[in-house]
Amino acid sequence: MTDALTTYDKLNEDIQFTEDETKELLKLSEKEILVLILSELKKNSNSKTN
């Protein structure tokens, strides 16, 4: 259980947005947000395999 919290804390530290970025993100549709998430996951998995 502690590992999950540690992982969450690390992710939380990595995900920092400016006020303007936050406003832009709030304008996105659910589908657009999912595409952004999936593209980031793909980038991360590609960089770990290289």
PDB file of N, CA and C in Angstrom:
ATOM      1  N   MET A   1       0.827  -1.194   0.000  1.00  0.00           N
ATOM      2  CA  MET A   1       0.000   0.000   0.000  1.00  0.00           C
ATOM      3  C   MET A   1       0.870   1.255   0.000  1.00  0.00           C
ATOM      4  N   THR A   2       1.968   1.221   0.705  1.00  0.00           N
ATOM      5  CA  THR A   2       2.868   2.366   0.756  1.00  0.00           C
ATOM      6  C   THR A   2       3.466   2.654  -0.622  1.00  0.00           C
ATOM      7  N   ASP A   3       3.769   1.597  -1.384  1.00  0.00           N
ATOM      8  CA  ASP A   3       4.338   1.782  -2.720  1.00  0.00           C
ATOM      9  C   ASP A   3       3.392   2.564  -3.622  1.00  0.00           C
ATOM     10  N   ALA A   4       2.112   2.258  -3.555  1.00  0.00           N
ATOM     11  CA  ALA A   4       1.131   2.966  -4.378  1.00  0.00           C
ATOM     12  C   ALA A   4       1.109   4.450  -4.018  1.00  0.00           C
ATOM     13  N   LEU A   5       1.178   4.760  -2.742  1.00  0.00           N
ATOM     14  CA  LEU A   5       1.179   6.158  -2.324  1.00  0.00           C
ATOM     15  C   LEU A   5       2.449   6.864  -2.775  1.00  0.00           C
ATOM     16  N   THR A   6       3.573   6.184  -2.678  1.00  0.00           N
ATOM     17  CA  THR A   6       4.841   6.762  -3.126  1.00  0.00           C
ATOM     18  C   THR A   6       4.795   7.037  -4.626  1.00  0.00           C
ATOM     19  N   THR A   7       4.269   6.085  -5.386  1.00  0.00           N
ATOM     20  CA  THR A   7       4.136   6.266  -6.834  1.00  0.00           C
ATOM     21  C   THR A   7       3.239   7.450  -7.137  1.00  0.00           C
ATOM     22  N   TYR A   8       2.131   7.556  -6.436  1.00  0.00           N
ATOM     23  CA  TYR A   8       1.216   8.677  -6.648  1.00  0.00           C
ATOM     24  C   TYR A   8       1.905  10.004  -6.335  1.00  0.00           C
ATOM     25  N   ASP A   9       2.639  10.062  -5.237  1.00  0.00           N
ATOM     26  CA  ASP A   9       3.351  11.297  -4.881  1.00  0.00           C
ATOM     27  C   ASP A   9       4.336  11.695  -5.967  1.00  0.00           C
ATOM     28  N   LYS A  10       5.052  10.721  -6.521  1.00  0.00           N
ATOM     29  CA  LYS A  10       6.017  10.990  -7.588  1.00  0.00           C
ATOM     30  C   LYS A  10       5.302  11.540  -8.817  1.00  0.00           C
ATOM     31  N   LEU A  11       4.209  10.904  -9.207  1.00  0.00           N
ATOM     32  CA  LEU A  11       3.442  11.384 -10.358  1.00  0.00           C
ATOM     33  C   LEU A  11       2.889  12.773 -10.099  1.00  0.00           C
ATOM     34  N   ASN A  12       2.414  12.994  -8.909  1.00  0.00           N
ATOM     35  CA  ASN A  12       1.846  14.286  -8.547  1.00  0.00           C
ATOM     36  C   ASN A  12       2.897  15.389  -8.658  1.00  0.00           C
ATOM     37  N   GLU A  13       4.126  15.081  -8.272  1.00  0.00           N
ATOM     38  CA  GLU A  13       5.213  16.058  -8.383  1.00  0.00           C
ATOM     39  C   GLU A  13       5.545  16.343  -9.838  1.00  0.00           C
ATOM     40  N   ASP A  14       5.470  15.323 -10.683  1.00  0.00           N
ATOM     41  CA  ASP A  14       5.814  15.462 -12.096  1.00  0.00           C
ATOM     42  C   ASP A  14       4.760  16.228 -12.881  1.00  0.00           C
ATOM     43  N   ILE A  15       3.530  16.223 -12.394  1.00  0.00           N
ATOM     44  CA  ILE A  15       2.433  16.851 -13.128  1.00  0.00           C
ATOM     45  C   ILE A  15       2.155  18.229 -12.520  1.00  0.00           C
ATOM     46  N   GLN A  16       2.793  19.223 -13.090  1.00  0.00           N
ATOM     47  CA  GLN A  16       2.619  20.598 -12.630  1.00  0.00           C
ATOM     48  C   GLN A  16       2.175  21.453 -13.817  1.00  0.00           C
ATOM     49  N   PHE A  17       1.106  22.221 -13.646  1.00  0.00           N
ATOM     50  CA  PHE A  17       0.602  23.062 -14.725  1.00  0.00           C
ATOM     51  C   PHE A  17       0.534  24.509 -14.272  1.00  0.00           C
ATOM     52  N   THR A  18       0.774  25.403 -15.229  1.00  0.00           N
ATOM     53  CA  THR A  18       0.591  26.824 -14.944  1.00  0.00           C
ATOM     54  C   THR A  18      -0.903  27.116 -14.935  1.00  0.00           C
ATOM     55  N   GLU A  19      -1.270  28.294 -14.491  1.00  0.00           N
ATOM     56  CA  GLU A  19      -2.685  28.669 -14.477  1.00  0.00           C
ATOM     57  C   GLU A  19      -3.266  28.668 -15.891  1.00  0.00           C
ATOM     58  N   ASP A  20      -2.517  29.196 -16.849  1.00  0.00           N
ATOM     59  CA  ASP A  20      -2.998  29.221 -18.238  1.00  0.00           C
ATOM     60  C   ASP A  20      -3.163  27.808 -18.801  1.00  0.00           C
ATOM     61  N   GLU A  21      -2.206  26.932 -18.510  1.00  0.00           N
ATOM     62  CA  GLU A  21      -2.313  25.547 -18.973  1.00  0.00           C
ATOM     63  C   GLU A  21      -3.540  24.868 -18.360  1.00  0.00           C
ATOM     64  N   THR A  22      -3.783  25.137 -17.097  1.00  0.00           N
ATOM     65  CA  THR A  22      -4.938  24.547 -16.426  1.00  0.00           C
ATOM     66  C   THR A  22      -6.238  25.015 -17.071  1.00  0.00           C
ATOM     67  N   LYS A  23      -6.325  26.290 -17.375  1.00  0.00           N
ATOM     68  CA  LYS A  23      -7.526  26.823 -18.033  1.00  0.00           C
ATOM     69  C   LYS A  23      -7.746  26.171 -19.390  1.00  0.00           C
ATOM     70  N   GLU A  24      -6.661  25.976 -20.145  1.00  0.00           N
ATOM     71  CA  GLU A  24      -6.773  25.331 -21.456  1.00  0.00           C
ATOM     72  C   GLU A  24      -7.201  23.872 -21.309  1.00  0.00           C
ATOM     73  N   LEU A  25      -6.647  23.182 -20.330  1.00  0.00           N
ATOM     74  CA  LEU A  25      -7.017  21.786 -20.105  1.00  0.00           C
ATOM     75  C   LEU A  25      -8.489  21.652 -19.732  1.00  0.00           C
ATOM     76  N   LEU A  26      -9.006  22.600 -18.976  1.00  0.00           N
ATOM     77  CA  LEU A  26     -10.404  22.541 -18.560  1.00  0.00           C
ATOM     78  C   LEU A  26     -11.366  22.726 -19.729  1.00  0.00           C
ATOM     79  N   LYS A  27     -10.885  23.292 -20.811  1.00  0.00           N
ATOM     80  CA  LYS A  27     -11.716  23.503 -22.000  1.00  0.00           C
ATOM     81  C   LYS A  27     -11.816  22.247 -22.869  1.00  0.00           C
ATOM     82  N   LEU A  28     -10.938  21.272 -22.621  1.00  0.00           N
ATOM     83  CA  LEU A  28     -10.904  20.078 -23.459  1.00  0.00           C
ATOM     84  C   LEU A  28     -12.073  19.142 -23.170  1.00  0.00           C
ATOM     85  N   SER A  29     -12.466  18.414 -24.205  1.00  0.00           N
ATOM     86  CA  SER A  29     -13.503  17.397 -24.027  1.00  0.00           C
ATOM     87  C   SER A  29     -12.892  16.151 -23.409  1.00  0.00           C
ATOM     88  N   GLU A  30     -13.737  15.248 -22.961  1.00  0.00           N
ATOM     89  CA  GLU A  30     -13.251  14.000 -22.367  1.00  0.00           C
ATOM     90  C   GLU A  30     -12.411  13.210 -23.365  1.00  0.00           C
ATOM     91  N   LYS A  31     -12.847  13.177 -24.615  1.00  0.00           N
ATOM     92  CA  LYS A  31     -12.111  12.448 -25.645  1.00  0.00           C
ATOM     93  C   LYS A  31     -10.731  13.063 -25.870  1.00  0.00           C
ATOM     94  N   GLU A  32     -10.634  14.366 -25.911  1.00  0.00           N
ATOM     95  CA  GLU A  32      -9.344  15.035 -26.097  1.00  0.00           C
ATOM     96  C   GLU A  32      -8.392  14.749 -24.929  1.00  0.00           C
ATOM     97  N   ILE A  33      -8.945  14.727 -23.732  1.00  0.00           N
ATOM     98  CA  ILE A  33      -8.131  14.429 -22.544  1.00  0.00           C
ATOM     99  C   ILE A  33      -7.608  12.992 -22.605  1.00  0.00           C
ATOM    100  N   LEU A  34      -8.454  12.069 -22.997  1.00  0.00           N
ATOM    101  CA  LEU A  34      -8.024  10.674 -23.113  1.00  0.00           C
ATOM    102  C   LEU A  34      -6.931  10.517 -24.156  1.00  0.00           C
ATOM    103  N   VAL A  35      -7.040  11.226 -25.274  1.00  0.00           N
ATOM    104  CA  VAL A  35      -6.005  11.165 -26.310  1.00  0.00           C
ATOM    105  C   VAL A  35      -4.678  11.699 -25.761  1.00  0.00           C
ATOM    106  N   LEU A  36      -4.724  12.798 -25.014  1.00  0.00           N
ATOM    107  CA  LEU A  36      -3.506  13.339 -24.411  1.00  0.00           C
ATOM    108  C   LEU A  36      -2.869  12.344 -23.443  1.00  0.00           C
ATOM    109  N   ILE A  37      -3.692  11.727 -22.616  1.00  0.00           N
ATOM    110  CA  ILE A  37      -3.184  10.752 -21.644  1.00  0.00           C
ATOM    111  C   ILE A  37      -2.543   9.571 -22.356  1.00  0.00           C
ATOM    112  N   LEU A  38      -3.240   9.050 -23.357  1.00  0.00           N
ATOM    113  CA  LEU A  38      -2.705   7.896 -24.082  1.00  0.00           C
ATOM    114  C   LEU A  38      -1.413   8.235 -24.828  1.00  0.00           C
ATOM    115  N   SER A  39      -1.334   9.423 -25.390  1.00  0.00           N
ATOM    116  CA  SER A  39      -0.110   9.797 -26.101  1.00  0.00           C
ATOM    117  C   SER A  39       1.062   9.942 -25.126  1.00  0.00           C
ATOM    118  N   GLU A  40       0.804  10.463 -23.932  1.00  0.00           N
ATOM    119  CA  GLU A  40       1.865  10.565 -22.925  1.00  0.00           C
ATOM    120  C   GLU A  40       2.303   9.189 -22.452  1.00  0.00           C
ATOM    121  N   LEU A  41       1.346   8.293 -22.259  1.00  0.00           N
ATOM    122  CA  LEU A  41       1.689   6.926 -21.849  1.00  0.00           C
ATOM    123  C   LEU A  41       2.537   6.241 -22.918  1.00  0.00           C
ATOM    124  N   LYS A  42       2.179   6.459 -24.171  1.00  0.00           N
ATOM    125  CA  LYS A  42       2.942   5.856 -25.266  1.00  0.00           C
ATOM    126  C   LYS A  42       4.363   6.419 -25.291  1.00  0.00           C
ATOM    127  N   LYS A  43       4.503   7.732 -25.133  1.00  0.00           N
ATOM    128  CA  LYS A  43       5.834   8.346 -25.099  1.00  0.00           C
ATOM    129  C   LYS A  43       6.673   7.761 -23.965  1.00  0.00           C
ATOM    130  N   ASN A  44       6.060   7.632 -22.786  1.00  0.00           N
ATOM    131  CA  ASN A  44       6.778   7.101 -21.628  1.00  0.00           C
ATOM    132  C   ASN A  44       7.182   5.653 -21.827  1.00  0.00           C
ATOM    133  N   SER A  45       6.303   4.844 -22.398  1.00  0.00           N
ATOM    134  CA  SER A  45       6.638   3.442 -22.588  1.00  0.00           C
ATOM    135  C   SER A  45       7.690   3.287 -23.672  1.00  0.00           C
ATOM    136  N   ASN A  46       7.672   4.141 -24.692  1.00  0.00           N
ATOM    137  CA  ASN A  46       8.694   4.084 -25.745  1.00  0.00           C
ATOM    138  C   ASN A  46      10.058   4.495 -25.208  1.00  0.00           C
ATOM    139  N   SER A  47      10.084   5.492 -24.359  1.00  0.00           N
ATOM    140  CA  SER A  47      11.378   5.953 -23.838  1.00  0.00           C
ATOM    141  C   SER A  47      11.979   4.943 -22.859  1.00  0.00           C
ATOM    142  N   LYS A  48      11.160   4.173 -22.192  1.00  0.00           N
ATOM    143  CA  LYS A  48      11.665   3.164 -21.267  1.00  0.00           C
ATOM    144  C   LYS A  48      12.186   1.946 -21.987  1.00  0.00           C
ATOM    145  N   THR A  49      11.664   1.662 -23.173  1.00  0.00           N
ATOM    146  CA  THR A  49      12.103   0.484 -23.923  1.00  0.00           C
ATOM    147  C   THR A  49      13.356   0.765 -24.741  1.00  0.00           C
ATOM    148  N   ASN A  50      13.688   2.018 -24.949  1.00  0.00           N
ATOM    149  CA  ASN A  50      14.879   2.376 -25.752  1.00  0.00           C
ATOM    150  C   ASN A  50      16.121   2.466 -24.922  1.00  0.00           C
TER     151      ASN A  50
END
